[in-house]
Amino acid sequence: MLIFLDTETTGLEISDRICAIGFIDEDEVHYELINPMKKIPPNASAIHHITNEMIKEAPVFSLSKSYEKLIELNNPETILVSHNSPFDLAMLQKEGITWQGMTIDTLKCSKALMDDLDGYSLQFLRYELRLYRNEVEFFNDYGVDITPHHPLSDALHAKMIYEYLLDLADDEELVAMSQSRLLLTRLPFGKYAKKRIEEMALKDPAYLKWMLESLMDMDEDLRYSIEYYLRNSV
């Protein structure tokens, strides 16, 4: 069984919590506002448009229907699919749900299978892969509006990306990619953006070493890839 999920949160720090959640499984489409028991800052509201007034009467996660439904779905046979699943799983764990099933991270799988793109965000892939050509009919089938940064809308775009990826790899391969370290071939940002990491490890290893030492919040796959190419350039 597959479940397509997305969360919106009060921010990206360790102390931040879920303020809205949406997921789609074989039986239903579910969306719920959640009271995170902390203020939603304006910079977060500016992205997902959820305000403190909107969540004032919402349940805390442990008393929500979302918690109840996810507990029922949380078993080894359920595959959770999301865009940047480590983030969503970490947020769920803060709310008392440690996911028992497998996961497919459409972000990581997109990077692995399409390493020459200029970006991998949900909205970038929506246009890069031309998902917009079929999304109205696709969304109408679920009775969901196309609203970027709304959990249900983002969960359905993740589902569209997943279905696109199935032309490049099967479920077993996508699960394996999602769980493994990803060896990236190109730098995603910086003065050598889109240049091959292997080439830069030979031409300017000092810059790559500076990235490792200075960017403490670097994506784990990027850190692994830079370290790999530096080791093998000697």
Protein backbone atom coordinates (compact mmCIF):
# COMPACT_ATOMS: atom_id res chain seq x y z
CA MET A 1 0.00 0.00 0.00
CA LEU A 2 1.21 3.51 -0.83
CA ILE A 3 0.51 6.70 1.11
CA PHE A 4 1.45 10.10 -0.35
CA LEU A 5 2.09 12.64 2.41
CA ASP A 6 3.14 16.23 2.99
CA THR A 7 3.47 18.39 6.10
CA GLU A 8 3.55 22.13 6.67
CA THR A 9 5.41 23.32 9.72
CA THR A 10 6.16 26.32 11.91
CA GLY A 11 9.71 26.35 10.53
CA LEU A 12 12.79 24.25 9.87
CA GLU A 13 14.46 24.23 13.28
CA ILE A 14 14.60 21.41 15.82
CA SER A 15 11.92 23.09 17.95
CA ASP A 16 9.45 23.48 15.06
CA ARG A 17 6.33 21.37 14.70
CA ILE A 18 3.61 20.37 12.25
CA CYS A 19 0.81 22.90 11.72
CA ALA A 20 -0.94 21.12 8.83
CA ILE A 21 -0.82 17.67 7.24
CA GLY A 22 -2.27 16.06 4.16
CA PHE A 23 -2.10 12.54 2.80
CA ILE A 24 -3.70 10.36 0.17
CA ASP A 25 -4.00 6.60 0.39
CA GLU A 26 -6.04 4.01 -1.49
CA ASP A 27 -9.22 4.81 0.46
CA GLU A 28 -9.29 8.53 1.17
CA VAL A 29 -7.94 12.05 0.91
CA HIS A 30 -7.19 13.55 4.32
CA TYR A 31 -6.27 17.09 5.36
CA GLU A 32 -6.14 18.65 8.81
CA LEU A 33 -4.88 21.79 10.51
CA ILE A 34 -2.87 21.07 13.66
CA ASN A 35 -2.23 23.24 16.69
CA PRO A 36 1.58 23.11 17.09
CA MET A 37 1.41 24.67 20.57
CA LYS A 38 3.73 27.43 19.45
CA LYS A 39 3.46 30.57 17.37
CA ILE A 40 3.69 30.33 13.58
CA PRO A 41 6.18 33.03 12.58
CA PRO A 42 5.38 35.35 9.65
CA ASN A 43 8.13 33.89 7.45
CA ALA A 44 6.48 30.45 7.68
CA SER A 45 2.98 31.85 7.08
CA ALA A 46 4.34 33.66 4.02
CA ILE A 47 5.09 30.25 2.48
CA HIS A 48 2.10 28.11 3.43
CA HIS A 49 -0.42 30.88 4.31
CA ILE A 50 -1.43 29.22 7.59
CA THR A 51 -1.95 31.79 10.33
CA ASN A 52 -2.11 31.58 14.10
CA GLU A 53 -5.81 32.42 13.96
CA MET A 54 -6.44 29.44 11.69
CA ILE A 55 -4.91 26.89 14.07
CA LYS A 56 -6.27 28.39 17.30
CA GLU A 57 -9.13 25.86 17.55
CA ALA A 58 -7.31 23.00 15.83
CA PRO A 59 -6.37 19.86 17.80
CA VAL A 60 -2.86 19.08 18.94
CA PHE A 61 -1.38 16.28 16.87
CA SER A 62 -1.77 13.56 19.50
CA LEU A 63 -5.54 14.21 19.64
CA SER A 64 -6.04 14.66 15.89
CA LYS A 65 -7.70 12.42 13.34
CA SER A 66 -4.40 12.52 11.44
CA TYR A 67 -2.63 10.83 14.34
CA GLU A 68 -5.35 8.20 14.58
CA LYS A 69 -5.30 7.45 10.85
CA LEU A 70 -1.51 7.36 10.58
CA ILE A 71 -1.27 4.96 13.52
CA GLU A 72 -3.59 2.63 11.60
CA LEU A 73 -1.50 2.97 8.43
CA ASN A 74 1.87 2.67 10.19
CA ASN A 75 2.94 -0.88 9.43
CA PRO A 76 5.72 -2.63 7.45
CA GLU A 77 3.44 -3.10 4.41
CA THR A 78 2.80 0.63 3.88
CA ILE A 79 5.21 2.67 1.74
CA LEU A 80 5.23 6.38 2.56
CA VAL A 81 6.00 8.60 -0.44
CA SER A 82 6.92 12.25 -0.02
CA HIS A 83 9.21 14.93 -1.42
CA ASN A 84 12.08 15.12 1.10
CA SER A 85 10.80 12.27 3.24
CA PRO A 86 13.54 12.57 5.92
CA PHE A 87 12.07 15.95 6.87
CA ASP A 88 8.48 14.67 7.02
CA LEU A 89 9.51 11.56 8.95
CA ALA A 90 11.46 13.66 11.46
CA MET A 91 8.42 15.88 11.97
CA LEU A 92 6.15 12.87 12.48
CA GLN A 93 8.60 11.41 14.99
CA LYS A 94 8.36 14.59 17.07
CA GLU A 95 4.62 13.88 17.27
CA GLY A 96 5.11 10.31 18.47
CA ILE A 97 5.01 8.43 15.15
CA THR A 98 8.09 6.43 14.21
CA TRP A 99 7.40 5.16 10.72
CA GLN A 100 7.51 1.35 10.48
CA GLY A 101 7.18 0.92 6.72
CA MET A 102 9.43 1.69 3.78
CA THR A 103 9.76 5.13 2.24
CA ILE A 104 10.22 6.60 -1.23
CA ASP A 105 11.77 10.06 -1.30
CA THR A 106 10.81 11.62 -4.64
CA LEU A 107 13.39 14.37 -4.06
CA LYS A 108 16.33 12.01 -3.65
CA CYS A 109 15.13 9.68 -6.42
CA SER A 110 14.77 12.62 -8.82
CA LYS A 111 18.35 13.66 -8.09
CA ALA A 112 19.58 10.10 -8.63
CA LEU A 113 17.72 9.46 -11.87
CA MET A 114 17.88 12.94 -13.42
CA ASP A 115 21.22 14.40 -12.37
CA ASP A 116 21.39 17.11 -15.04
CA LEU A 117 18.46 19.28 -13.93
CA ASP A 118 18.79 22.84 -12.67
CA GLY A 119 16.66 22.19 -9.59
CA TYR A 120 14.67 19.54 -7.74
CA SER A 121 12.08 21.38 -5.68
CA LEU A 122 8.50 20.19 -5.99
CA GLN A 123 7.43 23.24 -7.97
CA PHE A 124 10.51 23.19 -10.19
CA LEU A 125 9.87 19.57 -11.13
CA ARG A 126 6.20 20.38 -11.73
CA TYR A 127 7.28 22.56 -14.65
CA GLU A 128 10.51 20.83 -15.68
CA LEU A 129 8.70 17.51 -16.11
CA ARG A 130 5.65 19.27 -17.58
CA LEU A 131 3.33 17.77 -15.00
CA TYR A 132 1.13 20.86 -15.36
CA ARG A 133 -0.17 19.54 -18.68
CA ASN A 134 -2.19 16.82 -16.93
CA GLU A 135 -2.50 18.14 -13.39
CA VAL A 136 -5.99 19.68 -13.63
CA GLU A 137 -7.60 16.38 -14.54
CA PHE A 138 -5.38 14.53 -12.08
CA PHE A 139 -6.30 16.85 -9.19
CA ASN A 140 -9.99 16.86 -10.11
CA ASP A 141 -10.06 13.09 -9.70
CA TYR A 142 -9.21 13.61 -6.03
CA GLY A 143 -11.33 16.74 -5.52
CA VAL A 144 -8.24 18.78 -4.60
CA ASP A 145 -7.34 22.32 -5.70
CA ILE A 146 -3.91 23.08 -7.12
CA THR A 147 -2.43 25.22 -4.33
CA PRO A 148 1.37 25.11 -3.92
CA HIS A 149 2.47 24.64 -0.29
CA HIS A 150 -0.90 23.21 0.69
CA PRO A 151 -0.25 19.69 2.08
CA LEU A 152 -2.79 17.92 -0.15
CA SER A 153 -1.68 19.77 -3.27
CA ASP A 154 2.00 19.02 -2.57
CA ALA A 155 1.22 15.39 -1.74
CA LEU A 156 -0.52 15.00 -5.11
CA HIS A 157 2.37 16.63 -6.96
CA ALA A 158 4.67 14.17 -5.18
CA LYS A 159 2.38 11.41 -6.47
CA MET A 160 2.70 12.77 -10.02
CA ILE A 161 6.50 12.83 -9.70
CA TYR A 162 6.43 9.28 -8.31
CA GLU A 163 4.44 8.09 -11.32
CA TYR A 164 6.92 9.83 -13.63
CA LEU A 165 9.82 8.10 -11.86
CA LEU A 166 8.20 4.70 -12.37
CA ASP A 167 9.20 4.98 -16.04
CA LEU A 168 12.83 5.12 -14.87
CA ALA A 169 12.84 2.67 -11.94
CA ASP A 170 10.48 0.30 -10.14
CA ASP A 171 9.28 0.54 -6.53
CA GLU A 172 12.04 -1.69 -5.20
CA GLU A 173 14.71 0.45 -6.83
CA LEU A 174 13.10 3.68 -5.64
CA VAL A 175 12.97 2.38 -2.06
CA ALA A 176 16.65 1.39 -2.28
CA MET A 177 17.64 4.82 -3.64
CA SER A 178 15.71 6.54 -0.88
CA GLN A 179 17.54 4.59 1.83
CA SER A 180 21.06 4.78 0.42
CA ARG A 181 23.69 7.46 0.20
CA LEU A 182 23.39 9.25 -3.13
CA LEU A 183 26.56 10.00 -5.08
CA LEU A 184 25.83 13.32 -6.76
CA THR A 185 27.72 14.25 -9.90
CA ARG A 186 27.21 18.04 -9.99
CA LEU A 187 27.40 20.90 -7.49
CA PRO A 188 23.92 22.38 -6.95
CA PHE A 189 25.07 25.89 -5.96
CA GLY A 190 28.09 28.13 -5.43
CA LYS A 191 30.59 29.54 -7.88
CA TYR A 192 30.87 26.13 -9.58
CA ALA A 193 27.13 25.47 -9.74
CA LYS A 194 26.31 22.67 -12.24
CA LYS A 195 29.99 21.80 -12.63
CA ARG A 196 30.95 18.18 -12.09
CA ILE A 197 32.18 17.56 -8.55
CA GLU A 198 34.79 15.10 -9.84
CA GLU A 199 36.25 17.82 -12.09
CA MET A 200 36.31 20.41 -9.30
CA ALA A 201 38.00 17.94 -6.95
CA LEU A 202 40.93 18.00 -9.38
CA LYS A 203 40.86 21.69 -10.35
CA ASP A 204 39.95 23.39 -7.06
CA PRO A 205 39.95 20.96 -4.11
CA ALA A 206 40.49 23.86 -1.70
CA TYR A 207 37.05 25.26 -2.55
CA LEU A 208 35.38 21.92 -1.94
CA LYS A 209 37.20 21.57 1.38
CA TRP A 210 36.02 25.06 2.30
CA MET A 211 32.43 24.00 1.57
CA LEU A 212 32.78 20.99 3.87
CA GLU A 213 34.21 23.08 6.70
CA SER A 214 31.93 26.12 6.36
CA LEU A 215 28.50 24.81 5.41
CA MET A 216 27.42 22.96 8.54
CA ASP A 217 23.84 22.41 7.31
CA MET A 218 24.96 20.90 4.01
CA ASP A 219 22.76 18.17 2.52
CA GLU A 220 24.14 14.77 3.63
CA ASP A 221 24.30 13.46 0.05
CA LEU A 222 26.24 16.50 -1.13
CA ARG A 223 28.69 16.15 1.78
CA TYR A 224 29.13 12.45 1.04
CA SER A 225 29.70 13.16 -2.67
CA ILE A 226 32.28 15.90 -2.10
CA GLU A 227 34.17 13.73 0.37
CA TYR A 228 34.05 10.80 -2.06
CA TYR A 229 35.50 12.74 -5.00
CA LEU A 230 38.16 14.43 -2.86
CA ARG A 231 39.31 11.02 -1.60
CA ASN A 232 39.48 9.62 -5.10
CA SER A 233 41.21 12.60 -6.68
CA VAL A 234 44.48 11.96 -4.89
